[in-house]
Amino acid sequence: MIIKESSYSIVLAGKWNPAILTPAWLAANLFEGNHQVQIEFSLNFDFPPRYKIRNITISPSVDKVILLSNDNSDDSLTLLESVAIKLCATLGHTPFVAVGVNFGFIEKQNKNSLLPLMNFPDSNNITDSGWNISNQSIKRSLSKEGYFTNLKISLDGNSDFHFDFNYHYPTINATQVSECLSEKVIDYKNQCITLLNELFNLEIEENA
């Protein structure tokens, strides 16, 4: 099992003003010390610019701010957590909607044991009608001891299995955002890995 590219992230949903969240403002207000900011512009003008600082990427838009880990390390997750908390505290007047913490994994090997997950009772009826099934997925909402996560398991056209976790919590103020994130993001990740190991006997590759 490998980590899905650009899948370790925190999403802060709300009513944001991207004009405030300039590279200079982000570097001065959310990071200690002097850091170079790398700016990435999309060829599609519908997508906002992305700002790379240290080992994370920040992408602000009017309805959400996305913070991505660039290297999937615990150090980057700790930084994502602290930057998200500091951003919401600094701009506490922002109308918040929800906070989400996301993790994604792909299993490209040892897939035979997972195939029964996609044995849906209507599959034969669909194929007998002349249709091809190119993608299949299962969605479940899980809760345990105050934790809530949405798990999506999908099978793509290459017969690779995708496991996507979304820890989702409604929030209305910076205090609630902090309560959902403070010293918890690495714990969320470890929960995902433990669940995949215990339920599906999957482990992250050492060189991933």
Protein backbone atom coordinates (compact mmCIF):
# COMPACT_ATOMS: atom_id res chain seq x y z
CA MET A 1 0.00 0.00 0.00
CA ILE A 2 1.28 3.45 -0.88
CA ILE A 3 0.19 6.94 0.13
CA LYS A 4 -1.89 8.70 -2.50
CA GLU A 5 -0.20 11.82 -3.86
CA SER A 6 -1.44 15.12 -2.35
CA SER A 7 -3.95 13.30 -0.17
CA TYR A 8 -2.72 14.26 3.31
CA SER A 9 -4.56 17.51 3.84
CA ILE A 10 -6.61 19.78 6.07
CA VAL A 11 -9.57 21.61 4.54
CA LEU A 12 -11.01 24.66 6.30
CA ALA A 13 -14.46 25.35 4.86
CA GLY A 14 -15.94 28.81 5.36
CA LYS A 15 -16.24 32.26 3.83
CA TRP A 16 -12.66 33.34 3.17
CA ASN A 17 -11.17 36.45 1.58
CA PRO A 18 -8.32 35.20 -0.64
CA ALA A 19 -7.15 38.79 -1.14
CA ILE A 20 -5.92 38.75 2.45
CA LEU A 21 -4.11 35.43 2.15
CA THR A 22 -1.17 36.64 0.08
CA PRO A 23 2.21 34.87 0.19
CA ALA A 24 3.69 37.74 2.23
CA TRP A 25 0.80 37.68 4.74
CA LEU A 26 0.93 33.91 5.13
CA ALA A 27 4.69 33.87 5.68
CA ALA A 28 4.60 36.75 8.17
CA ASN A 29 1.58 35.64 10.19
CA LEU A 30 1.59 31.85 10.18
CA PHE A 31 5.27 30.84 10.15
CA GLU A 32 8.14 31.58 12.48
CA GLY A 33 11.31 32.90 10.88
CA ASN A 34 11.93 33.84 7.27
CA HIS A 35 10.76 31.37 4.64
CA GLN A 36 10.77 31.48 0.87
CA VAL A 37 7.34 31.12 -0.72
CA GLN A 38 7.00 29.31 -4.04
CA ILE A 39 3.92 30.33 -6.03
CA GLU A 40 2.23 27.95 -8.47
CA PHE A 41 -0.35 29.16 -10.97
CA SER A 42 -2.78 26.82 -12.69
CA LEU A 43 -3.27 26.91 -16.45
CA ASN A 44 -6.98 26.69 -15.63
CA PHE A 45 -7.93 30.15 -14.36
CA ASP A 46 -10.83 28.64 -12.38
CA PHE A 47 -8.30 27.24 -9.89
CA PRO A 48 -6.61 29.51 -7.32
CA PRO A 49 -2.81 29.80 -7.00
CA ARG A 50 -0.97 27.52 -4.58
CA TYR A 51 1.71 28.69 -2.16
CA LYS A 52 4.47 26.28 -1.10
CA ILE A 53 6.11 27.12 2.22
CA ARG A 54 8.53 24.68 3.86
CA ASN A 55 7.01 21.21 3.35
CA ILE A 56 3.36 22.20 2.93
CA THR A 57 1.20 23.87 0.28
CA ILE A 58 -1.60 26.36 0.98
CA SER A 59 -4.39 26.92 -1.54
CA PRO A 60 -6.93 29.63 -0.55
CA SER A 61 -10.27 30.24 -2.27
CA VAL A 62 -13.51 31.96 -1.32
CA ASP A 63 -15.16 28.86 0.16
CA LYS A 64 -12.21 26.97 1.62
CA VAL A 65 -8.52 26.96 2.42
CA ILE A 66 -6.71 23.72 1.60
CA LEU A 67 -3.45 22.86 3.35
CA LEU A 68 -1.52 19.97 1.79
CA SER A 69 1.45 17.96 2.98
CA ASN A 70 4.20 17.89 0.35
CA ASP A 71 6.05 14.87 1.74
CA ASN A 72 3.49 12.98 3.89
CA SER A 73 5.79 13.23 6.92
CA ASP A 74 4.67 13.59 10.52
CA ASP A 75 6.63 16.85 10.60
CA SER A 76 4.48 18.24 7.79
CA LEU A 77 1.28 17.06 9.49
CA THR A 78 2.31 18.83 12.68
CA LEU A 79 2.97 21.98 10.65
CA LEU A 80 -0.39 21.67 8.84
CA GLU A 81 -2.10 21.40 12.21
CA SER A 82 -0.38 24.43 13.75
CA VAL A 83 -0.80 26.60 10.63
CA ALA A 84 -4.51 25.76 10.35
CA ILE A 85 -5.11 26.58 14.02
CA LYS A 86 -3.12 29.82 13.82
CA LEU A 87 -4.88 30.87 10.59
CA CYS A 88 -8.33 30.45 12.11
CA ALA A 89 -7.33 32.18 15.34
CA THR A 90 -5.75 35.13 13.48
CA LEU A 91 -8.78 35.54 11.22
CA GLY A 92 -11.31 34.68 13.91
CA HIS A 93 -14.00 36.86 12.30
CA THR A 94 -14.18 34.43 9.36
CA PRO A 95 -17.50 32.54 9.15
CA PHE A 96 -16.43 28.92 9.58
CA VAL A 97 -18.44 25.96 8.29
CA ALA A 98 -16.42 22.79 8.84
CA VAL A 99 -12.95 21.32 9.14
CA GLY A 100 -11.86 18.16 7.34
CA VAL A 101 -8.70 16.08 7.67
CA ASN A 102 -8.00 13.77 4.75
CA PHE A 103 -5.76 10.78 4.05
CA GLY A 104 -5.59 8.60 0.94
CA PHE A 105 -3.93 5.28 0.15
CA ILE A 106 -3.66 3.00 -2.90
CA GLU A 107 -3.17 -0.75 -2.98
CA LYS A 108 -1.62 -1.86 -6.28
CA GLN A 109 -0.51 -5.31 -5.19
CA ASN A 110 -2.03 -8.21 -3.25
CA LYS A 111 -5.47 -7.23 -4.49
CA ASN A 112 -7.10 -10.64 -4.76
CA SER A 113 -8.12 -10.64 -1.10
CA LEU A 114 -9.86 -7.27 -1.61
CA LEU A 115 -11.88 -8.19 -4.70
CA PRO A 116 -14.79 -9.69 -2.70
CA LEU A 117 -15.47 -6.18 -1.38
CA MET A 118 -16.71 -5.27 -4.85
CA ASN A 119 -18.96 -8.30 -5.39
CA PHE A 120 -22.24 -6.41 -5.69
CA PRO A 121 -25.38 -8.53 -6.25
CA ASP A 122 -26.44 -6.54 -9.31
CA SER A 123 -23.08 -6.67 -11.16
CA ASN A 124 -24.06 -9.63 -13.36
CA ASN A 125 -27.35 -7.97 -14.28
CA ILE A 126 -25.50 -4.84 -15.36
CA THR A 127 -22.96 -6.69 -17.50
CA ASP A 128 -25.66 -8.97 -18.94
CA SER A 129 -27.40 -5.79 -20.15
CA GLY A 130 -24.31 -4.88 -22.15
CA TRP A 131 -22.85 -2.30 -19.77
CA ASN A 132 -19.23 -2.20 -18.63
CA ILE A 133 -18.45 -1.33 -15.01
CA SER A 134 -15.30 0.83 -14.99
CA ASN A 135 -15.35 2.09 -11.40
CA GLN A 136 -16.97 0.79 -8.23
CA SER A 137 -16.96 2.20 -4.71
CA ILE A 138 -18.23 1.71 -1.18
CA LYS A 139 -18.86 4.59 1.22
CA ARG A 140 -19.22 4.25 4.97
CA SER A 141 -19.43 6.71 7.84
CA LEU A 142 -17.59 5.43 10.91
CA SER A 143 -17.56 6.66 14.49
CA LYS A 144 -15.60 5.54 17.53
CA GLU A 145 -14.99 7.22 20.88
CA GLY A 146 -15.80 10.70 19.61
CA TYR A 147 -14.00 10.31 16.28
CA PHE A 148 -15.91 10.52 13.01
CA THR A 149 -14.59 9.59 9.58
CA ASN A 150 -16.00 8.90 6.14
CA LEU A 151 -14.28 5.97 4.41
CA LYS A 152 -14.54 5.50 0.66
CA ILE A 153 -13.16 2.32 -0.90
CA SER A 154 -13.03 2.38 -4.69
CA LEU A 155 -11.75 0.19 -7.49
CA ASP A 156 -10.41 2.04 -10.51
CA GLY A 157 -10.04 1.02 -14.14
CA ASN A 158 -6.58 -0.44 -13.44
CA SER A 159 -8.03 -2.67 -10.71
CA ASP A 160 -6.19 -0.66 -8.04
CA PHE A 161 -7.93 -0.14 -4.71
CA HIS A 162 -8.23 3.38 -3.28
CA PHE A 163 -8.90 4.02 0.40
CA ASP A 164 -9.87 7.62 1.18
CA PHE A 165 -10.52 8.84 4.72
CA ASN A 166 -12.21 12.13 5.61
CA TYR A 167 -12.45 13.19 9.25
CA HIS A 168 -15.23 15.78 9.08
CA TYR A 169 -16.44 18.10 11.85
CA PRO A 170 -18.84 21.07 11.63
CA THR A 171 -17.29 24.19 13.19
CA ILE A 172 -18.50 27.73 13.76
CA ASN A 173 -15.51 29.37 15.41
CA ALA A 174 -11.74 29.16 15.79
CA THR A 175 -11.99 27.43 19.17
CA GLN A 176 -13.89 24.53 17.65
CA VAL A 177 -11.36 24.27 14.82
CA SER A 178 -8.57 24.05 17.38
CA GLU A 179 -10.42 21.37 19.35
CA CYS A 180 -10.75 19.24 16.21
CA LEU A 181 -7.09 19.59 15.23
CA SER A 182 -4.86 20.24 18.25
CA GLU A 183 -2.52 17.26 18.75
CA LYS A 184 -4.90 15.05 16.73
CA VAL A 185 -3.83 15.10 13.06
CA ILE A 186 -1.08 12.48 13.43
CA ASP A 187 -3.49 10.47 15.58
CA TYR A 188 -6.04 10.59 12.73
CA LYS A 189 -3.40 9.27 10.31
CA ASN A 190 -2.38 6.47 12.66
CA GLN A 191 -6.02 5.47 13.08
CA CYS A 192 -6.37 5.12 9.30
CA ILE A 193 -3.25 2.96 9.00
CA THR A 194 -4.29 0.78 11.95
CA LEU A 195 -7.77 0.28 10.52
CA LEU A 196 -6.41 -0.71 7.10
CA ASN A 197 -4.02 -3.17 8.72
CA GLU A 198 -6.58 -4.74 11.05
CA LEU A 199 -9.45 -4.97 8.56
CA PHE A 200 -7.65 -5.56 5.27
CA ASN A 201 -4.14 -6.68 6.27
CA LEU A 202 -2.59 -3.73 4.43
CA GLU A 203 0.65 -1.99 5.38
CA ILE A 204 2.42 1.05 3.95
CA GLU A 205 5.48 0.16 1.89
CA GLU A 206 8.73 1.08 3.60
CA ASN A 207 9.92 3.21 0.67
CA ALA A 208 6.58 4.97 0.16
